[in-house]
Amino acid sequence: MMQDKSTAYQKSLDRLTDIYSNIVLQADQQSLLRCPYKNVSDECTASFGCRNQRKNVAGGGNRLLCAGDNKLEYRTAWETDPRAVVDAKKRHCRRQSAMQRLTDCPRNR
């Protein structure tokens, strides 16, 4: 009886792990492209100016809209070594094989 409960418990944990790992994979893929300051309503939550901010004329909210195209690769902004930037872009492009490729991906340089 104890073995049955233990097996059922492990199956339940395995199922939850499978569900959450898929959610994490999707979130990781989306975080590579989506601006971290863009909320689910396409509003900009940044406390600084951005060229993608637009006035929200349709909504009654106080936030500006984010007009970004979700093709943002902001992580290379922190790199100081130019070769590291190129390497990071190449790694990023390889990860995008299942998704639409970005137009600025280096091609076998």
Protein backbone atom coordinates (compact mmCIF):
# COMPACT_ATOMS: atom_id res chain seq x y z
CA MET A 1 0.00 0.00 0.00
CA MET A 2 2.81 2.41 0.89
CA GLN A 3 4.59 1.52 -2.36
CA ASP A 4 1.45 2.41 -4.37
CA LYS A 5 1.22 5.83 -2.73
CA SER A 6 4.90 6.44 -3.30
CA THR A 7 4.63 5.46 -6.97
CA ALA A 8 1.55 7.63 -7.48
CA TYR A 9 3.27 10.51 -5.73
CA GLN A 10 6.35 10.17 -7.97
CA LYS A 11 4.17 10.04 -11.09
CA SER A 12 2.42 13.20 -9.95
CA LEU A 13 5.75 14.95 -9.38
CA ASP A 14 7.01 13.82 -12.78
CA ARG A 15 3.86 15.18 -14.46
CA LEU A 16 4.20 18.54 -12.68
CA THR A 17 7.87 18.70 -13.63
CA ASP A 18 6.96 18.06 -17.26
CA ILE A 19 4.30 20.79 -17.23
CA TYR A 20 6.52 23.38 -15.56
CA SER A 21 9.56 22.58 -17.70
CA ASN A 22 7.50 23.33 -20.83
CA ILE A 23 6.39 26.63 -19.32
CA VAL A 24 9.98 27.50 -18.47
CA LEU A 25 11.16 26.66 -21.99
CA GLN A 26 8.52 28.94 -23.50
CA ALA A 27 9.38 31.74 -21.07
CA ASP A 28 13.09 31.37 -21.87
CA GLN A 29 12.43 31.61 -25.61
CA GLN A 30 10.18 34.61 -25.22
CA SER A 31 12.63 36.39 -22.94
CA LEU A 32 15.21 36.34 -25.73
CA LEU A 33 13.06 38.58 -27.90
CA ARG A 34 10.50 40.43 -25.82
CA CYS A 35 11.43 43.65 -24.08
CA PRO A 36 11.58 43.00 -20.32
CA TYR A 37 9.59 46.21 -19.72
CA LYS A 38 6.63 45.24 -21.94
CA ASN A 39 3.69 43.86 -19.98
CA VAL A 40 0.94 41.51 -21.16
CA SER A 41 -1.17 44.49 -22.30
CA ASP A 42 1.68 45.79 -24.50
CA GLU A 43 2.24 48.68 -22.10
CA CYS A 44 5.71 49.97 -21.30
CA THR A 45 6.56 49.67 -17.62
CA ALA A 46 10.00 51.28 -17.94
CA SER A 47 10.64 54.32 -15.79
CA PHE A 48 12.82 55.86 -18.51
CA GLY A 49 12.30 56.96 -22.10
CA CYS A 50 12.39 54.56 -25.00
CA ARG A 51 11.99 55.12 -28.73
CA ASN A 52 9.30 52.42 -28.82
CA GLN A 53 6.99 54.21 -26.38
CA ARG A 54 3.73 55.48 -27.87
CA LYS A 55 0.90 57.48 -26.34
CA ASN A 56 -2.01 55.27 -25.28
CA VAL A 57 -4.90 57.12 -26.96
CA ALA A 58 -7.35 54.18 -26.98
CA GLY A 59 -6.88 53.07 -23.38
CA GLY A 60 -7.57 55.01 -20.25
CA GLY A 61 -4.39 53.79 -18.61
CA ASN A 62 -1.57 56.05 -17.52
CA ARG A 63 1.11 53.90 -19.11
CA LEU A 64 2.56 54.38 -22.56
CA LEU A 65 2.20 51.60 -25.12
CA CYS A 66 5.20 49.62 -26.26
CA ALA A 67 5.41 49.63 -30.05
CA GLY A 68 8.43 47.32 -30.16
CA ASP A 69 8.47 44.51 -32.72
CA ASN A 70 9.58 41.81 -30.23
CA LYS A 71 12.80 41.29 -32.18
CA LEU A 72 14.89 42.92 -29.50
CA GLU A 73 18.25 41.40 -28.64
CA TYR A 74 19.28 43.50 -25.67
CA ARG A 75 21.61 41.07 -23.90
CA THR A 76 24.60 41.95 -26.08
CA ALA A 77 24.43 45.54 -24.82
CA TRP A 78 26.27 44.40 -21.70
CA GLU A 79 29.15 42.81 -23.61
CA THR A 80 32.37 44.83 -23.83
CA ASP A 81 34.32 42.42 -26.03
CA PRO A 82 33.24 42.71 -29.72
CA ARG A 83 33.99 39.03 -30.34
CA ALA A 84 31.76 38.08 -27.43
CA VAL A 85 28.92 40.09 -29.00
CA VAL A 86 29.29 38.20 -32.29
CA ASP A 87 29.48 34.87 -30.45
CA ALA A 88 26.38 35.74 -28.39
CA LYS A 89 24.45 36.64 -31.55
CA LYS A 90 25.47 33.37 -33.20
CA ARG A 91 24.35 31.38 -30.13
CA HIS A 92 21.10 33.32 -30.10
CA CYS A 93 20.45 32.60 -33.78
CA ARG A 94 21.09 28.89 -33.31
CA ARG A 95 18.50 28.87 -30.50
CA GLN A 96 16.00 30.45 -32.85
CA SER A 97 15.98 27.49 -35.24
CA ALA A 98 12.48 26.52 -34.10
CA MET A 99 11.30 30.11 -34.15
CA GLN A 100 11.42 32.77 -36.83
CA ARG A 101 15.01 33.86 -37.44
CA LEU A 102 16.00 37.42 -36.74
CA THR A 103 17.03 39.60 -39.66
CA ASP A 104 20.22 40.80 -37.96
CA CYS A 105 21.65 37.34 -37.28
CA PRO A 106 25.22 36.97 -38.54
CA ARG A 107 25.44 34.37 -41.26
CA ASN A 108 28.49 32.12 -40.81
CA ARG A 109 30.92 34.94 -40.26
